[in-house]
Amino acid sequence: MALLEIRDLTKHFFRLSALSRVSLSVEPGELLGLIGPNGSGKTTLFNCVTGVLRPSAGQVFLRGEDITGRSADVVYRRGIARTFQLIQLFPEMTVLDNMLVSGQEKTGRLFSRLLRREGAEATARALALLEFLGIAGLRDNLASNLSYGQQKLLDFGMALMSEPQVIMLDEPMAGVNPTMIKNLVAHILELNARGYTFVVIEHNMEVVMSLCRRIVVLSQGERIAEGTPAEIAENPLVLDAYFGR
C-alpha cells in the first residue's frame, strides 16, 4: 500500500482549472520530486493535500485512510507536515519556542498549547533537531533575528517536530546561497536514509535531479510525465513545457 495516494485530484478557481485529475502515489521512505513551470499547480496540489484548500474533486489517502477535504490541523495530526514557499514562523518567539509550539500542533489547539508547560521529552526532541540542523546555539534567539538561511532551517525543523509520516517541502532551496543549499540537501538525504518520506517541490533542476530518484512533472494543472531524473531530462513533453520545444 502506498503511504500517500492522490487520485484524480482537481481544483477549480471559478472557471480556472488549477489542477485537473492529477494522480500520484508516494511509497514509504521515498524522496519524490514534484516539478513544473510556474503556475503548473504544484503548490495548489500541496494545499489540497494538506487541507489548506478543499479540492473540487478527487481523493487523498494516507495509509489507506481517506483524508480528502479534512482541515489542515487534522491532516497535520494524521501525519503530514509541510513547509511553505513563504516561511511560516512566529517571529517574536525564540527558536526553541517555535519548535515546541510546532510540536504541540499535533496534540492541542493554539490557546492550550501556548499555556501548557513543555515537557522534557518535547524539549529534548527540539534540541536534538536543532543540533542536527546546526542551529542549536541559536535556541534563545528570536526567530526574527535569524538570517534567511537560518530561518529556512528552523522552518524545516518545525516540520520535523511532529515526527510526520510524510514531509512536503515547497521550494526549500529558494532564496538561499549555494552553501546553504548543500546543507539542506545533506539534511534531507540523511533523514531520507533514516526512513523519512519526502515530497519536494523545487525549481533548482540541478538539485532536484541529484536529490530525487523519481520525479513527477505538472504542466497547466495536469500530470504530463513521471520517471527517473534521466528519463525526465529527456522527455519531450517536459522539454516542451519548460522551453516551448
Protein backbone atom coordinates (compact mmCIF):
# COMPACT_ATOMS: atom_id res chain seq x y z
CA MET A 1 0.00 0.00 0.00
CA ALA A 2 1.24 3.48 -0.88
CA LEU A 3 1.90 5.77 2.07
CA LEU A 4 0.27 8.72 0.30
CA GLU A 5 -2.07 8.28 -2.66
CA ILE A 6 -3.64 11.07 -4.69
CA ARG A 7 -6.42 10.09 -7.09
CA ASP A 8 -7.76 12.37 -9.81
CA LEU A 9 -7.20 15.49 -7.71
CA THR A 10 -8.94 18.50 -9.24
CA LYS A 11 -9.16 22.10 -8.14
CA HIS A 12 -11.12 24.86 -9.85
CA PHE A 13 -10.94 28.56 -9.05
CA PHE A 14 -14.10 29.89 -10.67
CA ARG A 15 -13.59 28.94 -14.34
CA LEU A 16 -9.85 28.37 -14.00
CA SER A 17 -8.71 24.78 -13.58
CA ALA A 18 -5.59 24.82 -11.39
CA LEU A 19 -5.48 21.02 -11.16
CA SER A 20 -7.12 18.53 -13.48
CA ARG A 21 -7.37 14.86 -12.45
CA VAL A 22 -3.84 14.60 -11.07
CA SER A 23 -2.93 11.19 -9.66
CA LEU A 24 0.29 10.09 -7.99
CA SER A 25 1.45 7.89 -5.15
CA VAL A 26 4.30 8.11 -2.66
CA GLU A 27 5.86 4.98 -1.20
CA PRO A 28 7.18 4.75 2.39
CA GLY A 29 10.73 6.07 2.57
CA GLU A 30 10.58 7.68 -0.87
CA LEU A 31 12.04 11.05 -1.85
CA LEU A 32 9.73 12.21 -4.63
CA GLY A 33 10.33 15.35 -6.67
CA LEU A 34 7.45 17.46 -7.99
CA ILE A 35 8.43 19.91 -10.72
CA GLY A 36 6.84 22.04 -13.40
CA PRO A 37 6.81 25.58 -14.78
CA ASN A 38 5.42 28.44 -12.68
CA GLY A 39 1.64 28.17 -12.43
CA SER A 40 1.59 24.44 -13.18
CA GLY A 41 -0.33 23.58 -9.99
CA LYS A 42 2.40 22.26 -7.69
CA THR A 43 1.63 24.38 -4.64
CA THR A 44 -2.11 24.02 -5.27
CA LEU A 45 -1.63 20.25 -5.06
CA PHE A 46 0.25 20.63 -1.76
CA ASN A 47 -2.52 22.90 -0.47
CA CYS A 48 -5.25 20.42 -1.41
CA VAL A 49 -3.40 17.51 0.19
CA THR A 50 -2.64 19.34 3.43
CA GLY A 51 -6.06 20.90 3.99
CA VAL A 52 -5.20 24.49 3.13
CA LEU A 53 -7.59 24.21 0.17
CA ARG A 54 -10.53 21.90 -0.36
CA PRO A 55 -10.27 20.03 -3.68
CA SER A 56 -13.09 20.34 -6.20
CA ALA A 57 -12.89 16.62 -6.93
CA GLY A 58 -10.65 13.62 -6.37
CA GLN A 59 -9.39 11.88 -3.25
CA VAL A 60 -6.34 11.86 -0.97
CA PHE A 61 -5.41 8.81 1.09
CA LEU A 62 -2.82 8.48 3.86
CA ARG A 63 -2.04 4.84 4.64
CA GLY A 64 -5.40 3.95 3.14
CA GLU A 65 -7.39 6.49 5.18
CA ASP A 66 -9.40 8.98 3.13
CA ILE A 67 -8.34 12.44 4.33
CA THR A 68 -9.85 14.36 1.41
CA GLY A 69 -11.02 17.81 2.41
CA ARG A 70 -10.03 17.44 6.06
CA SER A 71 -8.87 20.63 7.76
CA ALA A 72 -5.17 21.47 7.93
CA ASP A 73 -4.89 20.73 11.66
CA VAL A 74 -6.50 17.30 11.21
CA VAL A 75 -4.19 16.44 8.30
CA TYR A 76 -1.19 17.54 10.35
CA ARG A 77 -2.22 15.35 13.28
CA ARG A 78 -2.73 12.43 10.90
CA GLY A 79 0.94 12.70 9.94
CA ILE A 80 1.56 15.11 7.04
CA ALA A 81 3.80 18.10 7.76
CA ARG A 82 4.89 20.75 5.30
CA THR A 83 6.81 23.92 4.68
CA PHE A 84 5.61 26.86 2.58
CA GLN A 85 7.22 28.99 -0.12
CA LEU A 86 6.94 31.91 2.31
CA ILE A 87 8.48 30.88 5.63
CA GLN A 88 5.89 30.39 8.40
CA LEU A 89 7.48 31.27 11.76
CA PHE A 90 6.50 33.01 14.99
CA PRO A 91 8.94 35.92 14.60
CA GLU A 92 8.75 37.26 18.16
CA MET A 93 9.24 33.86 19.78
CA THR A 94 12.58 32.18 20.35
CA VAL A 95 13.91 29.46 18.09
CA LEU A 96 13.25 26.84 20.78
CA ASP A 97 9.71 28.08 21.43
CA ASN A 98 8.96 27.95 17.69
CA MET A 99 9.99 24.31 17.72
CA LEU A 100 7.93 23.49 20.80
CA VAL A 101 4.77 25.20 19.55
CA SER A 102 5.10 23.38 16.24
CA GLY A 103 5.40 20.06 18.05
CA GLN A 104 2.30 20.75 20.09
CA GLU A 105 0.28 21.29 16.91
CA LYS A 106 -0.24 17.53 16.96
CA THR A 107 -1.88 17.43 20.36
CA GLY A 108 -3.89 20.58 21.02
CA ARG A 109 -5.32 23.86 19.88
CA LEU A 110 -3.34 27.09 19.89
CA PHE A 111 -4.70 28.51 23.18
CA SER A 112 -3.98 25.37 25.19
CA ARG A 113 -0.58 24.96 23.52
CA LEU A 114 0.58 28.43 24.48
CA LEU A 115 -0.44 27.92 28.11
CA ARG A 116 0.96 24.41 28.55
CA ARG A 117 4.34 23.97 30.13
CA GLU A 118 6.57 21.97 27.83
CA GLY A 119 7.64 18.51 28.88
CA ALA A 120 11.18 17.25 28.95
CA GLU A 121 10.57 14.88 26.04
CA ALA A 122 9.42 17.62 23.65
CA THR A 123 12.29 19.90 24.69
CA ALA A 124 14.80 17.12 24.21
CA ARG A 125 13.45 16.37 20.72
CA ALA A 126 13.52 20.06 19.78
CA LEU A 127 17.10 20.48 20.96
CA ALA A 128 18.19 17.30 19.17
CA LEU A 129 16.69 18.55 15.90
CA LEU A 130 18.28 21.98 16.31
CA GLU A 131 21.62 20.28 16.92
CA PHE A 132 21.13 18.13 13.82
CA LEU A 133 20.37 21.24 11.77
CA GLY A 134 23.35 23.11 13.19
CA ILE A 135 21.39 25.92 14.88
CA ALA A 136 21.21 24.71 18.48
CA GLY A 137 23.37 27.68 19.51
CA LEU A 138 20.55 29.98 18.41
CA ARG A 139 17.90 28.36 20.60
CA ASP A 140 17.31 31.53 22.66
CA ASN A 141 17.36 33.95 19.71
CA LEU A 142 14.18 35.44 18.37
CA ALA A 143 13.22 33.88 15.04
CA SER A 144 13.05 37.37 13.53
CA ASN A 145 16.77 37.87 14.26
CA LEU A 146 17.90 34.85 12.23
CA SER A 147 19.32 35.11 8.75
CA TYR A 148 17.09 33.93 5.91
CA GLY A 149 19.02 30.67 5.60
CA GLN A 150 18.75 30.05 9.34
CA GLN A 151 15.01 30.73 9.16
CA LYS A 152 14.78 28.10 6.40
CA LEU A 153 16.50 25.61 8.69
CA LEU A 154 14.16 26.49 11.56
CA ASP A 155 11.13 26.13 9.30
CA PHE A 156 12.42 22.70 8.27
CA GLY A 157 12.98 21.73 11.88
CA MET A 158 9.45 22.77 12.84
CA ALA A 159 8.07 20.46 10.15
CA LEU A 160 10.03 17.59 11.70
CA MET A 161 8.85 18.16 15.29
CA SER A 162 5.66 16.10 14.99
CA GLU A 163 7.52 13.03 13.68
CA PRO A 164 5.44 13.13 10.48
CA GLN A 165 4.84 10.22 8.16
CA VAL A 166 5.18 12.49 5.11
CA ILE A 167 7.12 15.76 4.87
CA MET A 168 6.14 18.06 1.99
CA LEU A 169 8.71 20.75 1.21
CA ASP A 170 7.67 23.67 -1.00
CA GLU A 171 10.79 25.13 -2.65
CA PRO A 172 13.14 24.58 0.31
CA MET A 173 16.16 25.84 -1.65
CA ALA A 174 14.58 29.08 -2.88
CA GLY A 175 16.48 32.24 -1.97
CA VAL A 176 19.38 30.59 -0.13
CA ASN A 177 23.05 30.59 -1.06
CA PRO A 178 24.90 27.57 -2.53
CA THR A 179 26.45 26.65 0.81
CA MET A 180 23.05 26.53 2.49
CA ILE A 181 21.63 24.54 -0.43
CA LYS A 182 24.31 21.88 0.12
CA ASN A 183 23.50 21.95 3.82
CA LEU A 184 19.77 21.45 3.26
CA VAL A 185 20.33 18.72 0.66
CA ALA A 186 22.61 16.85 3.07
CA HIS A 187 20.00 17.02 5.85
CA ILE A 188 17.20 15.81 3.56
CA LEU A 189 19.31 12.91 2.28
CA GLU A 190 20.36 11.87 5.78
CA LEU A 191 16.77 11.91 7.05
CA ASN A 192 15.60 10.02 3.98
CA ALA A 193 18.28 7.39 4.66
CA ARG A 194 16.76 7.04 8.14
CA GLY A 195 13.36 6.29 6.57
CA TYR A 196 11.71 9.71 6.39
CA THR A 197 9.39 10.19 3.40
CA PHE A 198 9.59 13.42 1.40
CA VAL A 199 7.73 15.12 -1.43
CA VAL A 200 9.75 18.11 -2.66
CA ILE A 201 8.74 20.97 -4.95
CA GLU A 202 11.91 22.50 -6.33
CA HIS A 203 12.80 24.79 -9.24
CA ASN A 204 16.54 24.20 -9.00
CA MET A 205 16.85 21.44 -11.60
CA GLU A 206 20.40 20.53 -10.63
CA VAL A 207 19.26 19.96 -7.05
CA VAL A 208 16.09 18.02 -7.82
CA MET A 209 17.83 15.80 -10.37
CA SER A 210 20.50 14.83 -7.85
CA LEU A 211 18.18 14.63 -4.85
CA CYS A 212 15.21 12.60 -6.09
CA ARG A 213 15.08 9.11 -7.55
CA ARG A 214 11.61 9.65 -9.04
CA ILE A 215 10.09 12.86 -10.36
CA VAL A 216 6.53 13.83 -11.30
CA VAL A 217 6.03 16.75 -13.68
CA LEU A 218 2.98 19.03 -13.80
CA SER A 219 2.10 21.48 -16.55
CA GLN A 220 -1.03 23.65 -16.71
CA GLY A 221 -2.59 21.65 -13.88
CA GLU A 222 -2.04 18.23 -15.44
CA ARG A 223 0.48 15.48 -14.82
CA ILE A 224 2.49 15.16 -18.02
CA ALA A 225 5.38 12.91 -17.01
CA GLU A 226 6.82 10.65 -14.34
CA GLY A 227 10.14 8.86 -14.19
CA THR A 228 13.74 8.84 -13.12
CA PRO A 229 15.78 12.04 -13.41
CA ALA A 230 17.39 10.74 -16.61
CA GLU A 231 14.00 9.92 -18.13
CA ILE A 232 12.56 13.30 -17.18
CA ALA A 233 15.58 15.17 -18.60
CA GLU A 234 14.98 13.59 -22.00
CA ASN A 235 11.17 13.64 -22.03
CA PRO A 236 9.92 15.76 -24.99
CA LEU A 237 6.74 16.76 -23.14
CA VAL A 238 8.82 18.13 -20.25
CA LEU A 239 11.18 19.97 -22.60
CA ASP A 240 8.21 21.49 -24.39
CA ALA A 241 6.58 22.56 -21.10
CA TYR A 242 9.75 24.30 -19.92
CA PHE A 243 11.27 25.56 -23.14
CA GLY A 244 8.46 25.51 -25.72
CA ARG A 245 10.30 22.93 -27.79
